[in-house]
Amino acid sequence: MRNLAEMNRLWVRLCLSGSKTRLQREADRNELSMIVGENVVRLSSLEGVDLSLYTSSVLPRLFDIIQNCKDPLSQQYLADCIIQVFPDEYHLQTLESLLEGCGKLSEKVDLKGIYVTLMNRLANYAASHVEEMKAQNNMFEIIKRRIDWILENQGAAAELKNFIELEVAFIRFSIKCYPKNIDYINSILGSVTKLLQVQASKSITLDSLKSLFKLLSIPLDSLALDTLNLSYFPILMEYLNLQMKKDIAKRILHALVTAGKRLNSLDLVEKLLTFTAPLVEGIAVAESDEYEFEQVQGNVAKIAHLLEFDNCAHEFQAIHILNKAFVNGGVARMRITIPSLVWALYRLSSKMASTLEEDQFRSDFAKIYGLALQLIESIVEMAPEDCIKLLLNGVLTISLNEIEGEKIEDTIVQYITRAFAIYYEEIANSNSKLRILLSIIGTLERAHLLSSNNFNTLAKQTIQACTKLLRKQDQCKALLACSHVFASSHIVNSVCELECYCKCRPVFKKST
């Protein structure tokens, strides 16, 4: 230890000596620094230096040597040597003394670098010593108290980026050591929020924003849905630029969808919309990559598929909340996001049909399918064929629920009639016309809740549409498919079946 102290004094004097040129002094100093470092390494490898001796004698004397030299560069180098060469379990047991000693170093010493190195080592140690880390339940508080002291005393004067990087290392350390403790993560974000508020008068540089982006990105993969419980997270997001906000929101959605977590409370739904607002609301700016835009909005749409409430009324309210947000997103987004809400309503109706009394279901039925029709109408001009598919799937869902009623039958008729209206008004392509008609025919065949009068009216309307197809072969395909409706459905009508065959016959003769 005495030899180390003397070598360190010599190292400092070389820096202050004026007898040599600067280059000569730097060369001598670098060579001597290696010798000083080797002394610390030999000290750590001595056989008698166990944890007890290190705690009671070695560490205090090392810090006496460091503090007495007064040179910031020397202090930083030796403090870093202590962290690098002594075992991690020693640092774990003497954490408070180690950090206290670092706090007494010169103000010019970069404590951030020392703390980052220490936390990275402890985090790696924690990965393979889980049980030992559980016993150190006050470790977070010790480090947090020291870091907050640094921020309070140096945060207003020093470069913002360095302090955010310090918190980046701290949040990584916390997630590795305490992966399920959300309060610790939120506490770190709260400290960064206070730091940014202190520096509110200064403009935040791009490098600082990048560090802040890194800080917010770290919890996303490990916490997934629990990220929504971090109260300081959306506050810090406001400091980012628009593109960074979008990137964070994308990662939140990706983590949520990948984890497959269910949204089972209105509070969670509202929090998620707050976190992902840059992707959900506001007029969509033209994206350079259309594929990426659709992928992102596809993830936004999946929010509706993650709804799973015990209370059907609350789930219906959650769909209303999503609807309000999605409608504010503009037509480019609505084309992708609105269909998911319609499917969520259909799924909810099936859940209600299986869990509620029939009378209760009938009273709520009109609200569900009324909102679904309203949503479908909002995107007819953008995606007419998709709207027809949604209408027909609504009819199939109603039929599968197996609950009869006058209002229910009226809704089936309304949906199929509206599908025909969109077919005539919006669909021009011949291939699309045939494809849609075949879908209508298949739906009509399964619509067993229809009365004979309504069924025959819709069936005749379908036959008429088949005969108006442009290509003769398409007419034959559609009419033959239509004939099956009258032969195999719940309402057998041999007259209409024969009519389909008769209309096919002249077309077939001309084509042959």
Foldseek 3Di string as FASTA:
>chain_A
DVVLLVLLLVLLVLCVDPPDDPVVSVVVNVVSLVVSLVVLLVVQPDPVDDLVCCQPPVVVVLLVSLAVSLDQVSNQSSLQSNLPRHDLVSCLVCVLVSLVSVVSHDPPHLVLVSLLSNLVRLLVVCLVVLVVLVVSPCNLVSVVVSLLVCCVVCLLPDALQSSLLSLLSSLSSCCSNPVPDVVSLLVSLVSNLVSCVSNVVDQRDPSSLVSLLSSLLVNQQRCQLVSLVNPSNLVSLVSHDLVSLQVSLLSNLVNNVVVLAADAALSSLVSNCSSNVSLQADEDDDDPDVVVNLVSLLSVLCNLVRYDYPDLVRNVVSLVVSVVRNVRHDLVSLVNRLLSSLVSLLVSLLVCLVPDDLVVSVVCVCVSLVVSVVSLVVNCQPCVLVSLVSLLVSLLSLLVSVRADPVSQVSNLVSLVVSVVSLVPPDDDLVSNLVSLLSSLVSLQSNQNHDPVSSVVSLVVSLVSLLPRDDLVSSLVSLQSSLVSQPPGPHHDVVSSVVSVVSNVVSVVVVD
